[in-house]
Structure formats: C-alpha cells, structure tokens
Amino acid sequence: MIKMKRLVVLVALLCVCDAVKFGQLCSGNSGNSRRTSDTWGSGNYGARRTNGRHEGLDIRCSDGSAVYAPFDVTLHGKLIVYNNPAKAAIDQGINLRGGGLCIKLFYVRPDRTSGSVRKGERIGTMLPMQSVYPGITSHVHVQMCDKSDPTPYF
C-alpha cells in the first residue's frame, strides 16, 4: 500500500510538470535562455551563494524589457525582494499562481498586482539591474514559493 501511495504522488507530480510549461517570459528572449555564469555568479538553481544556495532560476532579460505571463495565471500581489535602500531600483517583484503552481518573479515592476492574465500578456517591466549590479547578466529571477527547482517547467 505504501508503494502504491508513492507511485500516485510521483504520477501526480509528473502530471503537473507536464501540464505547465513556461512560455516566453521576457521580450527579446523567446527561448527563455538562462543566465549562465558571470562575475556575480551563476543563475542556475542550487548555485552556490555566500549565504547559501540560489533558490531560483535566472532567465535573461534586458533592463527595461517587457515581462510576460509565462502561462495563464492569477496575479497575487507585489513583493519586495530585498527591503534594502541600496537595492531600491530593483526591489520589486510579483507573485503568480496558476496551473497548480505558486511562483515569484523578482526584479519586475508589475503593471498591476491582481486579477487573471493569459499566457503571453504583459505583466510588467524588467527593472534596471545594471544600476545595482554593473556587469551582471540582467535577468528575471524565477522562484517557486516552496523554493523547489523551477527548471523542469522550462
């Protein structure tokens, strides 16, 4: 019986992952290419950081670019990324829910913070990351609310 329950849970997880695939997140990056390594570090999930590990996945996005809903979502409010005056220029993001997922997008100024949005509709603007981290590969940080790996959804 225990093996059967594990199988059911595994199948349920596989179905959610198969059902939800991120569409284009940022204008100018139709393939959702990822931030690799630069002088500031690596953008992959689990990359080493001075205070632990990277809990999201970084998708390349030029400063000032339009950010789109990656799939049909409901907007669930604005978020504050750092709450640090030195990083005020990029200290915004948005919470999204849809397809059984809860996601946070960092470094995005939301156009609005509530309501339903269809896949591909504009939801905000990429903030000026270069003003805070000169030379970094500008990106939207995609983080699951439970801090699990978002990579399989791309």
C-alpha atoms as a PDB file:
ATOM      1  CA  MET A   1       0.000   0.000   0.000  1.00  0.00           C
ATOM      2  CA  ILE A   2       2.825   2.447   0.833  1.00  0.00           C
ATOM      3  CA  LYS A   3       4.488   1.780  -2.544  1.00  0.00           C
ATOM      4  CA  MET A   4       1.188   2.495  -4.296  1.00  0.00           C
ATOM      5  CA  LYS A   5       0.818   5.856  -2.467  1.00  0.00           C
ATOM      6  CA  ARG A   6       4.348   6.846  -3.503  1.00  0.00           C
ATOM      7  CA  LEU A   7       3.551   5.940  -7.101  1.00  0.00           C
ATOM      8  CA  VAL A   8       0.380   8.040  -7.038  1.00  0.00           C
ATOM      9  CA  VAL A   9       2.275  11.033  -5.633  1.00  0.00           C
ATOM     10  CA  LEU A  10       5.024  10.641  -8.245  1.00  0.00           C
ATOM     11  CA  VAL A  11       2.490  10.389 -11.076  1.00  0.00           C
ATOM     12  CA  ALA A  12       0.664  13.467  -9.762  1.00  0.00           C
ATOM     13  CA  LEU A  13       3.915  15.446  -9.690  1.00  0.00           C
ATOM     14  CA  LEU A  14       4.811  14.346 -13.191  1.00  0.00           C
ATOM     15  CA  CYS A  15       1.408  15.367 -14.477  1.00  0.00           C
ATOM     16  CA  VAL A  16       1.684  18.891 -13.039  1.00  0.00           C
ATOM     17  CA  CYS A  17       5.145  19.326 -14.565  1.00  0.00           C
ATOM     18  CA  ASP A  18       3.990  18.009 -17.936  1.00  0.00           C
ATOM     19  CA  ALA A  19       0.893  20.213 -17.933  1.00  0.00           C
ATOM     20  CA  VAL A  20       2.677  23.517 -17.223  1.00  0.00           C
ATOM     21  CA  LYS A  21       5.492  24.776 -19.420  1.00  0.00           C
ATOM     22  CA  PHE A  22       6.629  28.369 -19.264  1.00  0.00           C
ATOM     23  CA  GLY A  23       6.008  30.423 -22.358  1.00  0.00           C
ATOM     24  CA  GLN A  24       8.198  33.393 -23.248  1.00  0.00           C
ATOM     25  CA  LEU A  25       8.923  35.310 -20.047  1.00  0.00           C
ATOM     26  CA  CYS A  26      10.747  38.352 -21.426  1.00  0.00           C
ATOM     27  CA  SER A  27      10.692  40.304 -24.690  1.00  0.00           C
ATOM     28  CA  GLY A  28      13.833  39.628 -26.687  1.00  0.00           C
ATOM     29  CA  ASN A  29      14.256  36.128 -25.215  1.00  0.00           C
ATOM     30  CA  SER A  30      11.722  33.886 -26.964  1.00  0.00           C
ATOM     31  CA  GLY A  31      13.560  30.713 -25.912  1.00  0.00           C
ATOM     32  CA  ASN A  32      13.814  31.664 -22.221  1.00  0.00           C
ATOM     33  CA  SER A  33      17.598  31.366 -22.324  1.00  0.00           C
ATOM     34  CA  ARG A  34      19.111  31.272 -18.889  1.00  0.00           C
ATOM     35  CA  ARG A  35      21.713  33.367 -17.190  1.00  0.00           C
ATOM     36  CA  THR A  36      24.857  31.290 -17.040  1.00  0.00           C
ATOM     37  CA  SER A  37      27.948  32.375 -15.101  1.00  0.00           C
ATOM     38  CA  ASP A  38      29.180  35.957 -14.906  1.00  0.00           C
ATOM     39  CA  THR A  39      31.292  37.947 -12.447  1.00  0.00           C
ATOM     40  CA  TRP A  40      28.387  37.913  -9.965  1.00  0.00           C
ATOM     41  CA  GLY A  41      27.858  34.130 -10.022  1.00  0.00           C
ATOM     42  CA  SER A  42      25.671  31.582 -11.767  1.00  0.00           C
ATOM     43  CA  GLY A  43      21.938  31.723 -12.406  1.00  0.00           C
ATOM     44  CA  ASN A  44      21.106  28.041 -12.213  1.00  0.00           C
ATOM     45  CA  TYR A  45      19.007  26.599  -9.407  1.00  0.00           C
ATOM     46  CA  GLY A  46      21.142  25.474  -6.475  1.00  0.00           C
ATOM     47  CA  ALA A  47      24.206  27.547  -7.454  1.00  0.00           C
ATOM     48  CA  ARG A  48      26.461  28.399  -4.547  1.00  0.00           C
ATOM     49  CA  ARG A  49      25.997  31.767  -2.870  1.00  0.00           C
ATOM     50  CA  THR A  50      27.848  33.353   0.048  1.00  0.00           C
ATOM     51  CA  ASN A  51      24.743  32.940   2.207  1.00  0.00           C
ATOM     52  CA  GLY A  52      23.620  29.522   0.991  1.00  0.00           C
ATOM     53  CA  ARG A  53      22.362  28.422  -2.385  1.00  0.00           C
ATOM     54  CA  HIS A  54      20.444  30.064  -5.215  1.00  0.00           C
ATOM     55  CA  GLU A  55      16.775  29.239  -4.720  1.00  0.00           C
ATOM     56  CA  GLY A  56      15.560  30.113  -8.194  1.00  0.00           C
ATOM     57  CA  LEU A  57      16.382  30.102 -11.887  1.00  0.00           C
ATOM     58  CA  ASP A  58      17.520  33.239 -13.717  1.00  0.00           C
ATOM     59  CA  ILE A  59      16.062  33.918 -17.161  1.00  0.00           C
ATOM     60  CA  ARG A  60      17.900  36.500 -19.273  1.00  0.00           C
ATOM     61  CA  CYS A  61      16.022  39.771 -19.665  1.00  0.00           C
ATOM     62  CA  SER A  62      17.364  43.164 -20.708  1.00  0.00           C
ATOM     63  CA  ASP A  63      16.757  46.118 -18.399  1.00  0.00           C
ATOM     64  CA  GLY A  64      13.516  47.864 -19.382  1.00  0.00           C
ATOM     65  CA  SER A  65      12.118  44.898 -21.352  1.00  0.00           C
ATOM     66  CA  ALA A  66       8.502  43.796 -21.173  1.00  0.00           C
ATOM     67  CA  VAL A  67       7.821  40.776 -18.945  1.00  0.00           C
ATOM     68  CA  TYR A  68       5.001  38.395 -19.896  1.00  0.00           C
ATOM     69  CA  ALA A  69       2.791  35.887 -18.107  1.00  0.00           C
ATOM     70  CA  PRO A  70       4.523  32.528 -18.622  1.00  0.00           C
ATOM     71  CA  PHE A  71       1.152  30.699 -18.679  1.00  0.00           C
ATOM     72  CA  ASP A  72      -2.417  31.546 -17.612  1.00  0.00           C
ATOM     73  CA  VAL A  73      -2.007  32.972 -14.105  1.00  0.00           C
ATOM     74  CA  THR A  74      -3.654  34.925 -11.356  1.00  0.00           C
ATOM     75  CA  LEU A  75      -1.629  37.839 -10.000  1.00  0.00           C
ATOM     76  CA  HIS A  76      -1.298  37.659  -6.216  1.00  0.00           C
ATOM     77  CA  GLY A  77       0.314  40.910  -5.201  1.00  0.00           C
ATOM     78  CA  LYS A  78       3.545  42.784  -5.395  1.00  0.00           C
ATOM     79  CA  LEU A  79       6.573  41.589  -3.458  1.00  0.00           C
ATOM     80  CA  ILE A  80       9.625  43.290  -2.033  1.00  0.00           C
ATOM     81  CA  VAL A  81      12.818  41.415  -2.882  1.00  0.00           C
ATOM     82  CA  TYR A  82      15.456  42.961  -0.603  1.00  0.00           C
ATOM     83  CA  ASN A  83      13.945  45.751   1.506  1.00  0.00           C
ATOM     84  CA  ASN A  84      17.346  47.425   1.224  1.00  0.00           C
ATOM     85  CA  PRO A  85      17.673  51.113   0.190  1.00  0.00           C
ATOM     86  CA  ALA A  86      20.906  50.347  -1.693  1.00  0.00           C
ATOM     87  CA  LYS A  87      18.940  47.995  -3.968  1.00  0.00           C
ATOM     88  CA  ALA A  88      15.750  50.075  -4.235  1.00  0.00           C
ATOM     89  CA  ALA A  89      15.994  50.286  -8.052  1.00  0.00           C
ATOM     90  CA  ILE A  90      15.346  46.528  -8.364  1.00  0.00           C
ATOM     91  CA  ASP A  91      13.436  45.844  -5.144  1.00  0.00           C
ATOM     92  CA  GLN A  92      10.144  44.733  -6.691  1.00  0.00           C
ATOM     93  CA  GLY A  93       8.547  41.579  -7.964  1.00  0.00           C
ATOM     94  CA  ILE A  94       5.216  39.831  -8.322  1.00  0.00           C
ATOM     95  CA  ASN A  95       3.530  36.680  -7.042  1.00  0.00           C
ATOM     96  CA  LEU A  96       1.793  34.433  -9.587  1.00  0.00           C
ATOM     97  CA  ARG A  97      -0.435  31.384  -9.278  1.00  0.00           C
ATOM     98  CA  GLY A  98      -1.684  29.079 -11.970  1.00  0.00           C
ATOM     99  CA  GLY A  99      -1.533  25.529 -13.233  1.00  0.00           C
ATOM    100  CA  GLY A 100      -1.184  24.288  -9.674  1.00  0.00           C
ATOM    101  CA  LEU A 101       1.977  26.361  -9.161  1.00  0.00           C
ATOM    102  CA  CYS A 102       2.917  29.309  -6.968  1.00  0.00           C
ATOM    103  CA  ILE A 103       5.744  31.417  -8.416  1.00  0.00           C
ATOM    104  CA  LYS A 104       7.614  34.602  -7.552  1.00  0.00           C
ATOM    105  CA  LEU A 105       9.242  36.761 -10.213  1.00  0.00           C
ATOM    106  CA  PHE A 106      11.951  39.116  -8.902  1.00  0.00           C
ATOM    107  CA  TYR A 107      13.230  42.366 -10.459  1.00  0.00           C
ATOM    108  CA  VAL A 108       9.933  43.114 -12.217  1.00  0.00           C
ATOM    109  CA  ARG A 109       7.838  46.258 -11.815  1.00  0.00           C
ATOM    110  CA  PRO A 110       4.302  44.882 -12.128  1.00  0.00           C
ATOM    111  CA  ASP A 111       1.791  46.640 -14.373  1.00  0.00           C
ATOM    112  CA  ARG A 112      -0.871  45.532 -11.886  1.00  0.00           C
ATOM    113  CA  THR A 113      -0.947  43.211  -8.896  1.00  0.00           C
ATOM    114  CA  SER A 114      -4.258  41.361  -9.043  1.00  0.00           C
ATOM    115  CA  GLY A 115      -6.560  39.674 -11.500  1.00  0.00           C
ATOM    116  CA  SER A 116      -6.220  36.985 -14.130  1.00  0.00           C
ATOM    117  CA  VAL A 117      -3.788  37.180 -17.027  1.00  0.00           C
ATOM    118  CA  ARG A 118      -3.491  34.952 -20.098  1.00  0.00           C
ATOM    119  CA  LYS A 119      -0.243  33.373 -21.244  1.00  0.00           C
ATOM    120  CA  GLY A 120       1.843  35.903 -23.184  1.00  0.00           C
ATOM    121  CA  GLU A 121       0.123  39.025 -21.836  1.00  0.00           C
ATOM    122  CA  ARG A 122       2.398  41.720 -20.497  1.00  0.00           C
ATOM    123  CA  ILE A 123       2.561  41.752 -16.680  1.00  0.00           C
ATOM    124  CA  GLY A 124       5.387  44.211 -16.044  1.00  0.00           C
ATOM    125  CA  THR A 125       8.785  45.709 -16.855  1.00  0.00           C
ATOM    126  CA  MET A 126      12.266  44.396 -16.107  1.00  0.00           C
ATOM    127  CA  LEU A 127      13.906  46.723 -13.597  1.00  0.00           C
ATOM    128  CA  PRO A 128      17.369  48.328 -14.141  1.00  0.00           C
ATOM    129  CA  MET A 129      19.563  45.560 -12.765  1.00  0.00           C
ATOM    130  CA  GLN A 130      22.743  47.136 -14.176  1.00  0.00           C
ATOM    131  CA  SER A 131      22.281  50.107 -11.844  1.00  0.00           C
ATOM    132  CA  VAL A 132      22.699  47.828  -8.816  1.00  0.00           C
ATOM    133  CA  TYR A 133      24.927  45.035 -10.190  1.00  0.00           C
ATOM    134  CA  PRO A 134      27.058  46.522 -13.014  1.00  0.00           C
ATOM    135  CA  GLY A 135      28.164  43.828 -15.451  1.00  0.00           C
ATOM    136  CA  ILE A 136      25.724  41.147 -14.309  1.00  0.00           C
ATOM    137  CA  THR A 137      23.655  39.376 -16.947  1.00  0.00           C
ATOM    138  CA  SER A 138      20.304  41.111 -16.398  1.00  0.00           C
ATOM    139  CA  HIS A 139      17.591  38.600 -15.616  1.00  0.00           C
ATOM    140  CA  VAL A 140      14.232  37.791 -14.088  1.00  0.00           C
ATOM    141  CA  HIS A 141      14.673  35.507 -11.088  1.00  0.00           C
ATOM    142  CA  VAL A 142      12.008  32.762 -11.100  1.00  0.00           C
ATOM    143  CA  GLN A 143      11.427  31.203  -7.680  1.00  0.00           C
ATOM    144  CA  MET A 144       8.853  28.640  -6.664  1.00  0.00           C
ATOM    145  CA  CYS A 145       7.012  29.644  -3.491  1.00  0.00           C
ATOM    146  CA  ASP A 146       8.108  26.367  -1.872  1.00  0.00           C
ATOM    147  CA  LYS A 147      11.694  27.010  -3.107  1.00  0.00           C
ATOM    148  CA  SER A 148      11.725  23.823  -5.184  1.00  0.00           C
ATOM    149  CA  ASP A 149      13.532  23.740  -8.543  1.00  0.00           C
ATOM    150  CA  PRO A 150      11.648  25.603 -11.322  1.00  0.00           C
ATOM    151  CA  THR A 151      13.941  24.228 -14.065  1.00  0.00           C
ATOM    152  CA  PRO A 152      11.598  21.380 -15.184  1.00  0.00           C
ATOM    153  CA  TYR A 153       8.929  23.930 -16.137  1.00  0.00           C
ATOM    154  CA  PHE A 154      11.162  25.479 -18.831  1.00  0.00           C
END
